[in-house]
Protein backbone atom coordinates (compact mmCIF):
# COMPACT_ATOMS: atom_id res chain seq x y z
CA MET A 1 15.64 -6.61 16.37
CA THR A 2 12.37 -7.13 14.56
CA LYS A 3 12.00 -5.56 11.16
CA PRO A 4 8.83 -3.54 10.53
CA LEU A 5 6.21 -5.27 8.39
CA ALA A 6 4.91 -3.80 5.15
CA ILE A 7 2.08 -5.46 3.27
CA VAL A 8 2.17 -4.98 -0.49
CA PHE A 9 -0.95 -5.64 -2.54
CA TYR A 10 -0.37 -6.08 -6.24
CA GLU A 11 -1.60 -8.06 -9.22
CA ARG A 12 0.87 -6.71 -11.81
CA LEU A 13 4.26 -8.37 -11.60
CA MET A 14 5.94 -5.07 -12.43
CA PRO A 15 6.11 -2.87 -10.36
CA GLY A 16 4.98 -5.19 -7.54
CA SER A 17 8.02 -7.44 -7.42
CA GLN A 18 10.38 -4.47 -7.70
CA LEU A 19 8.64 -2.82 -4.76
CA LEU A 20 9.03 -5.96 -2.67
CA ASN A 21 12.76 -6.01 -3.33
CA ARG A 22 13.17 -2.30 -2.58
CA LEU A 23 11.33 -2.63 0.72
CA GLN A 24 13.51 -5.57 1.72
CA ASP A 25 16.57 -3.49 0.86
CA LEU A 26 15.20 -0.85 3.27
CA HIS A 27 15.05 -3.55 5.99
CA TYR A 28 11.31 -4.20 5.98
CA ARG A 29 9.72 -7.58 6.31
CA VAL A 30 7.34 -7.81 3.37
CA LEU A 31 4.14 -9.77 2.95
CA ALA A 32 2.73 -9.90 -0.58
CA VAL A 33 -1.02 -10.17 -1.13
CA ASP A 34 -2.63 -10.61 -4.53
CA ASP A 35 -6.30 -10.93 -3.55
CA ALA A 36 -8.06 -7.73 -2.51
CA SER A 37 -10.85 -9.70 -0.84
CA GLN A 38 -8.30 -10.95 1.72
CA LEU A 39 -6.53 -7.63 2.22
CA ALA A 40 -8.56 -6.24 5.15
CA ALA A 41 -8.36 -9.54 7.04
CA MET A 42 -4.63 -9.74 6.38
CA VAL A 43 -4.07 -6.21 7.72
CA LEU A 44 -6.12 -7.05 10.82
CA ALA A 45 -4.25 -10.30 11.47
CA GLU A 46 -0.71 -9.20 10.65
CA LYS A 47 -0.76 -5.64 12.05
CA PRO A 48 1.63 -4.10 9.51
CA LEU A 49 3.37 -0.77 9.89
CA LEU A 50 1.97 0.23 6.49
CA LEU A 51 0.23 -1.00 3.37
CA LEU A 52 1.21 -0.28 -0.22
CA ALA A 53 -1.52 -1.00 -2.76
CA ASP A 54 -1.46 -1.22 -6.53
CA LEU A 55 -4.46 0.73 -7.76
CA VAL A 56 -4.52 -0.69 -11.30
CA VAL A 57 -6.07 -4.06 -10.62
CA LYS A 58 -9.08 -6.14 -11.57
CA SER A 59 -10.18 -6.68 -7.98
CA ASP A 60 -11.81 -4.17 -5.63
CA VAL A 61 -8.80 -2.63 -3.91
CA ILE A 62 -10.74 0.61 -3.27
CA GLY A 63 -13.35 -1.38 -1.34
CA ALA A 64 -10.58 -3.06 0.65
CA ILE A 65 -9.06 0.32 1.53
CA LYS A 66 -12.48 1.55 2.69
CA THR A 67 -12.92 -1.56 4.85
CA ILE A 68 -9.48 -1.12 6.43
CA LYS A 69 -10.15 2.54 7.19
CA ALA A 70 -13.65 1.82 8.57
CA ASN A 71 -12.34 -0.68 11.13
CA THR A 72 -11.10 0.92 14.36
CA ALA A 73 -8.54 -1.88 14.73
CA THR A 74 -6.91 -1.09 11.36
CA ASN A 75 -7.77 2.51 10.49
CA HIS A 76 -4.41 3.75 11.82
CA VAL A 77 -2.43 1.81 9.18
CA PRO A 78 -1.06 4.26 6.58
CA ILE A 79 -1.90 3.27 3.02
CA ILE A 80 0.10 4.32 -0.02
CA GLY A 81 -1.63 3.74 -3.33
CA PHE A 82 0.46 3.52 -6.49
CA ALA A 83 -0.37 3.43 -10.18
CA PRO A 84 1.01 4.65 -13.50
CA ASP A 85 1.77 8.37 -13.40
CA ASN A 86 -1.34 9.34 -15.39
CA ALA A 87 -3.89 7.32 -13.38
CA ASN A 88 -5.72 10.32 -11.91
CA ASN A 89 -9.05 8.49 -11.49
CA GLN A 90 -7.40 5.75 -9.44
CA PHE A 91 -5.53 8.31 -7.33
CA ASP A 92 -8.75 10.20 -6.58
CA ALA A 93 -10.64 7.02 -5.70
CA ALA A 94 -7.88 5.79 -3.37
CA GLN A 95 -7.65 9.13 -1.58
CA GLY A 96 -11.42 9.17 -1.19
CA ALA A 97 -11.25 5.69 0.31
CA GLY A 98 -8.62 6.73 2.86
CA ALA A 99 -5.14 6.31 1.35
CA VAL A 100 -2.76 8.81 2.96
CA LEU A 101 -0.66 9.08 -0.20
CA THR A 102 -1.13 8.22 -3.85
CA VAL A 103 1.89 8.25 -6.11
CA GLY A 104 2.91 7.51 -9.63
CA GLU A 105 5.15 4.54 -10.20
CA SER A 106 8.11 6.70 -11.23
CA ALA A 107 7.96 8.61 -7.93
CA LEU A 108 7.54 5.37 -6.04
CA SER A 109 10.66 3.84 -7.55
CA ASN A 110 12.75 7.01 -7.26
CA HIS A 111 11.67 8.24 -3.82
CA LEU A 112 10.44 5.21 -1.89
CA SER A 113 12.31 5.94 1.33
CA GLN A 114 11.04 9.53 1.50
CA LEU A 115 7.48 8.45 0.67
CA LEU A 116 7.54 5.89 3.46
CA ASP A 117 8.75 8.51 5.93
CA GLN A 118 6.05 10.92 4.76
CA ALA A 119 3.25 8.34 5.01
CA LEU A 120 4.33 7.24 8.47
CA SER A 121 4.55 10.81 9.75
CA MET A 122 1.11 11.73 8.35
CA ASP A 123 -0.77 9.18 10.36
């Protein structure tokens, strides 16, 4: 049986590496990406079940989310944006770009399974 693929975009080692491990524990195949300029092409090529994106980065992750959502071949992929709990500007920008959920890192670590179910059912 093939495991579902989740792409995780992150530049910060924590919480990115923790998220990778948690997804693997939930029986996902995980592909890590650390360059937002390659994110849309990676989603198109790999056809993941979902994308999780760190919103506190130096690169243009919001632009990548917009590109993914503008492409009819990738706009169905649910995107969960995550950032520190008080990152309201990043949450608003990600939702405006097309992320189905934006969550604080504490919620992400404590409720990952439920958040995945919610994101997959919303799309």
